[in-house]
């Protein structure tokens, strides 16, 4: 597995919109480090989207523009749903 600058990935995941931060930051801290290089690359590509695009995609009001992004959004949402109600996350 390649070495990643996790601090930079986490910083880029801080979007300044609370709704996004509540989904993306726990994902980066708990789930992304367990992923393979392909998934990490797909996540880094997703970070190129605007905050509004990410918000709409993650909340299901719009569909991502590529299959890779659709799969990544679905994975983030699935991980987020699995953490609901878990204290400290």
N, C-alpha and C. Protein backbone atom coordinates (compact mmCIF):
# COMPACT_ATOMS: atom_id res chain seq x y z
N UNK A 1 0.85 -1.19 0.00
CA UNK A 1 0.00 0.00 0.00
C UNK A 1 0.89 1.24 0.00
N UNK A 2 0.51 2.22 -0.72
CA UNK A 2 1.26 3.46 -0.81
C UNK A 2 1.17 4.24 0.49
N UNK A 3 2.15 5.12 0.67
CA UNK A 3 2.13 6.02 1.83
C UNK A 3 1.33 7.25 1.46
N UNK A 4 0.48 7.69 2.35
CA UNK A 4 -0.35 8.86 2.12
C UNK A 4 -0.10 9.88 3.20
N UNK A 5 -0.27 11.12 2.85
CA UNK A 5 -0.18 12.21 3.82
C UNK A 5 -1.57 12.34 4.45
N UNK A 6 -1.79 11.59 5.53
CA UNK A 6 -3.12 11.54 6.15
C UNK A 6 -3.54 12.89 6.71
N UNK A 7 -2.57 13.66 7.19
CA UNK A 7 -2.89 14.99 7.69
C UNK A 7 -3.45 15.87 6.58
N UNK A 8 -2.87 15.78 5.40
CA UNK A 8 -3.34 16.57 4.27
C UNK A 8 -4.72 16.10 3.81
N UNK A 9 -4.92 14.79 3.77
CA UNK A 9 -6.23 14.26 3.37
C UNK A 9 -7.30 14.71 4.36
N UNK A 10 -6.97 14.66 5.64
CA UNK A 10 -7.94 15.09 6.66
C UNK A 10 -8.21 16.59 6.51
N UNK A 11 -7.17 17.37 6.28
CA UNK A 11 -7.36 18.81 6.12
C UNK A 11 -8.25 19.12 4.91
N UNK A 12 -8.03 18.43 3.80
CA UNK A 12 -8.84 18.65 2.61
C UNK A 12 -10.27 18.18 2.80
N UNK A 13 -10.47 17.28 3.75
CA UNK A 13 -11.82 16.78 4.04
C UNK A 13 -12.61 17.75 4.92
N UNK A 14 -11.93 18.67 5.56
CA UNK A 14 -12.61 19.69 6.38
C UNK A 14 -13.18 20.73 5.43
N UNK A 15 -14.47 20.70 5.25
CA UNK A 15 -15.08 21.54 4.24
C UNK A 15 -15.67 22.82 4.80
N UNK A 16 -15.80 22.92 6.12
CA UNK A 16 -16.36 24.13 6.71
C UNK A 16 -17.89 24.12 6.75
N UNK A 17 -18.47 23.08 6.23
CA UNK A 17 -19.92 22.91 6.30
C UNK A 17 -20.16 21.75 7.27
N UNK A 18 -20.78 22.04 8.37
CA UNK A 18 -20.91 21.05 9.45
C UNK A 18 -21.47 19.71 8.96
N UNK A 19 -22.46 19.76 8.09
CA UNK A 19 -23.07 18.52 7.60
C UNK A 19 -22.07 17.65 6.86
N UNK A 20 -21.15 18.28 6.13
CA UNK A 20 -20.12 17.53 5.42
C UNK A 20 -19.05 17.04 6.38
N UNK A 21 -18.62 17.91 7.28
CA UNK A 21 -17.59 17.53 8.24
C UNK A 21 -18.01 16.35 9.10
N UNK A 22 -19.29 16.30 9.46
CA UNK A 22 -19.78 15.19 10.29
C UNK A 22 -19.76 13.85 9.56
N UNK A 23 -19.75 13.89 8.25
CA UNK A 23 -19.69 12.65 7.47
C UNK A 23 -18.25 12.33 7.03
N UNK A 24 -17.55 13.35 6.55
CA UNK A 24 -16.24 13.10 5.96
C UNK A 24 -15.13 12.87 6.97
N UNK A 25 -15.09 13.65 8.05
CA UNK A 25 -13.99 13.52 8.99
C UNK A 25 -13.96 12.16 9.70
N UNK A 26 -15.08 11.67 10.21
CA UNK A 26 -15.04 10.32 10.79
C UNK A 26 -14.68 9.25 9.76
N UNK A 27 -15.12 9.45 8.52
CA UNK A 27 -14.77 8.50 7.46
C UNK A 27 -13.26 8.47 7.27
N UNK A 28 -12.63 9.64 7.23
CA UNK A 28 -11.18 9.71 7.04
C UNK A 28 -10.44 9.12 8.23
N UNK A 29 -10.96 9.35 9.43
CA UNK A 29 -10.29 8.86 10.63
C UNK A 29 -10.46 7.36 10.85
N UNK A 30 -11.64 6.83 10.57
CA UNK A 30 -11.94 5.45 10.94
C UNK A 30 -11.99 4.46 9.79
N UNK A 31 -12.41 4.89 8.63
CA UNK A 31 -12.67 3.95 7.53
C UNK A 31 -11.63 4.00 6.42
N UNK A 32 -11.27 5.18 6.00
CA UNK A 32 -10.37 5.32 4.85
C UNK A 32 -9.00 4.65 5.07
N UNK A 33 -8.40 4.72 6.26
CA UNK A 33 -7.10 4.07 6.44
C UNK A 33 -7.13 2.55 6.22
N UNK A 34 -8.30 1.94 6.29
CA UNK A 34 -8.44 0.49 6.08
C UNK A 34 -8.64 0.15 4.60
N UNK A 35 -8.78 1.16 3.76
CA UNK A 35 -9.12 0.95 2.35
C UNK A 35 -7.88 0.71 1.50
N UNK A 36 -8.12 0.14 0.33
CA UNK A 36 -7.03 -0.09 -0.61
C UNK A 36 -6.71 1.20 -1.38
N UNK A 37 -5.62 1.15 -2.14
CA UNK A 37 -5.16 2.33 -2.88
C UNK A 37 -6.21 2.86 -3.85
N UNK A 38 -6.94 1.97 -4.49
CA UNK A 38 -7.95 2.39 -5.46
C UNK A 38 -9.05 3.21 -4.78
N UNK A 39 -9.48 2.77 -3.62
CA UNK A 39 -10.53 3.48 -2.88
C UNK A 39 -10.02 4.82 -2.37
N UNK A 40 -8.79 4.84 -1.90
CA UNK A 40 -8.21 6.10 -1.42
C UNK A 40 -8.09 7.09 -2.58
N UNK A 41 -7.67 6.62 -3.73
CA UNK A 41 -7.59 7.49 -4.91
C UNK A 41 -8.97 8.01 -5.30
N UNK A 42 -9.98 7.16 -5.21
CA UNK A 42 -11.35 7.58 -5.53
C UNK A 42 -11.82 8.63 -4.53
N UNK A 43 -11.47 8.48 -3.27
CA UNK A 43 -11.84 9.48 -2.27
C UNK A 43 -11.15 10.82 -2.56
N UNK A 44 -9.87 10.76 -2.88
CA UNK A 44 -9.13 11.98 -3.18
C UNK A 44 -9.72 12.68 -4.41
N UNK A 45 -10.19 11.91 -5.39
CA UNK A 45 -10.87 12.50 -6.55
C UNK A 45 -12.17 13.17 -6.11
N UNK A 46 -12.90 12.53 -5.21
CA UNK A 46 -14.16 13.09 -4.73
C UNK A 46 -13.95 14.46 -4.08
N UNK A 47 -12.81 14.64 -3.43
CA UNK A 47 -12.52 15.90 -2.77
C UNK A 47 -12.37 17.06 -3.74
N UNK A 48 -12.25 16.78 -5.04
CA UNK A 48 -12.18 17.83 -6.04
C UNK A 48 -13.54 18.46 -6.32
N UNK A 49 -14.60 17.83 -5.86
CA UNK A 49 -15.95 18.36 -6.07
C UNK A 49 -16.17 19.57 -5.15
N UNK A 50 -17.13 20.39 -5.52
CA UNK A 50 -17.45 21.55 -4.68
C UNK A 50 -18.21 21.10 -3.43
N UNK A 51 -18.26 21.96 -2.45
CA UNK A 51 -19.00 21.65 -1.22
C UNK A 51 -20.47 21.39 -1.53
N UNK A 52 -21.04 22.18 -2.40
CA UNK A 52 -22.46 22.01 -2.74
C UNK A 52 -22.70 20.67 -3.43
N UNK A 53 -21.80 20.29 -4.34
CA UNK A 53 -21.94 18.98 -4.99
C UNK A 53 -21.85 17.87 -3.95
N UNK A 54 -20.84 17.94 -3.09
CA UNK A 54 -20.68 16.91 -2.06
C UNK A 54 -21.91 16.83 -1.16
N UNK A 55 -22.42 17.97 -0.75
CA UNK A 55 -23.60 17.99 0.12
C UNK A 55 -24.76 17.30 -0.57
N UNK A 56 -25.02 17.67 -1.80
CA UNK A 56 -26.15 17.06 -2.53
C UNK A 56 -25.94 15.57 -2.74
N UNK A 57 -24.74 15.16 -3.08
CA UNK A 57 -24.47 13.74 -3.31
C UNK A 57 -24.62 12.94 -2.02
N UNK A 58 -24.02 13.42 -0.95
CA UNK A 58 -24.03 12.68 0.31
C UNK A 58 -25.41 12.65 0.97
N UNK A 59 -26.24 13.61 0.63
CA UNK A 59 -27.59 13.65 1.20
C UNK A 59 -28.65 13.16 0.23
N UNK A 60 -28.21 12.66 -0.92
CA UNK A 60 -29.12 11.99 -1.85
C UNK A 60 -30.02 12.87 -2.67
N UNK A 61 -29.73 14.16 -2.76
CA UNK A 61 -30.58 15.03 -3.57
C UNK A 61 -30.06 15.18 -5.00
N UNK A 62 -28.89 14.62 -5.28
CA UNK A 62 -28.32 14.61 -6.63
C UNK A 62 -27.40 13.40 -6.75
N UNK A 63 -27.12 13.01 -7.98
CA UNK A 63 -26.24 11.88 -8.24
C UNK A 63 -24.87 12.37 -8.70
N UNK A 64 -23.80 11.76 -8.20
CA UNK A 64 -22.47 12.11 -8.68
C UNK A 64 -22.34 11.91 -10.18
N UNK A 65 -21.39 12.62 -10.76
CA UNK A 65 -21.24 12.66 -12.21
C UNK A 65 -20.50 11.48 -12.82
N UNK A 66 -19.86 10.63 -12.02
CA UNK A 66 -19.18 9.45 -12.55
C UNK A 66 -19.53 8.23 -11.70
N UNK A 67 -19.36 7.07 -12.27
CA UNK A 67 -19.63 5.82 -11.55
C UNK A 67 -18.70 5.69 -10.34
N UNK A 68 -17.43 6.04 -10.51
CA UNK A 68 -16.47 5.96 -9.41
C UNK A 68 -16.93 6.83 -8.24
N UNK A 69 -17.39 8.02 -8.54
CA UNK A 69 -17.87 8.91 -7.48
C UNK A 69 -19.16 8.39 -6.86
N UNK A 70 -20.04 7.80 -7.66
CA UNK A 70 -21.27 7.21 -7.10
C UNK A 70 -20.93 6.10 -6.12
N UNK A 71 -19.97 5.27 -6.48
CA UNK A 71 -19.57 4.17 -5.60
C UNK A 71 -18.93 4.71 -4.32
N UNK A 72 -18.11 5.74 -4.44
CA UNK A 72 -17.45 6.32 -3.27
C UNK A 72 -18.46 6.95 -2.34
N UNK A 73 -19.40 7.69 -2.89
CA UNK A 73 -20.45 8.33 -2.07
C UNK A 73 -21.27 7.25 -1.36
N UNK A 74 -21.63 6.20 -2.07
CA UNK A 74 -22.40 5.12 -1.45
C UNK A 74 -21.63 4.49 -0.30
N UNK A 75 -20.33 4.33 -0.47
CA UNK A 75 -19.50 3.74 0.58
C UNK A 75 -19.41 4.66 1.80
N UNK A 76 -19.23 5.96 1.57
CA UNK A 76 -19.18 6.92 2.68
C UNK A 76 -20.49 6.93 3.44
N UNK A 77 -21.60 6.94 2.72
CA UNK A 77 -22.93 6.95 3.36
C UNK A 77 -23.12 5.67 4.17
N UNK A 78 -22.72 4.53 3.61
CA UNK A 78 -22.84 3.25 4.32
C UNK A 78 -22.03 3.28 5.62
N UNK A 79 -20.81 3.77 5.56
CA UNK A 79 -19.97 3.87 6.76
C UNK A 79 -20.59 4.82 7.78
N UNK A 80 -21.11 5.94 7.29
CA UNK A 80 -21.75 6.91 8.18
C UNK A 80 -22.96 6.30 8.88
N UNK A 81 -23.77 5.59 8.13
CA UNK A 81 -24.96 4.94 8.72
C UNK A 81 -24.54 3.94 9.80
N UNK A 82 -23.44 3.26 9.60
CA UNK A 82 -22.94 2.29 10.57
C UNK A 82 -22.46 2.93 11.87
N UNK A 83 -22.13 4.20 11.81
CA UNK A 83 -21.64 4.92 13.00
C UNK A 83 -22.76 5.63 13.75
N UNK A 84 -23.94 5.72 13.20
CA UNK A 84 -25.01 6.45 13.87
C UNK A 84 -25.23 5.93 15.28
N UNK A 85 -25.28 6.84 16.22
CA UNK A 85 -25.51 6.48 17.61
C UNK A 85 -24.28 6.05 18.36
N UNK A 86 -23.12 5.98 17.69
CA UNK A 86 -21.90 5.58 18.37
C UNK A 86 -21.28 6.83 18.99
N UNK A 87 -21.11 6.80 20.29
CA UNK A 87 -20.59 7.96 20.99
C UNK A 87 -19.11 8.14 20.67
N UNK A 88 -18.69 9.38 20.54
CA UNK A 88 -17.28 9.69 20.31
C UNK A 88 -16.87 9.68 18.85
N UNK A 89 -17.82 9.45 17.96
CA UNK A 89 -17.50 9.44 16.53
C UNK A 89 -18.25 10.56 15.87
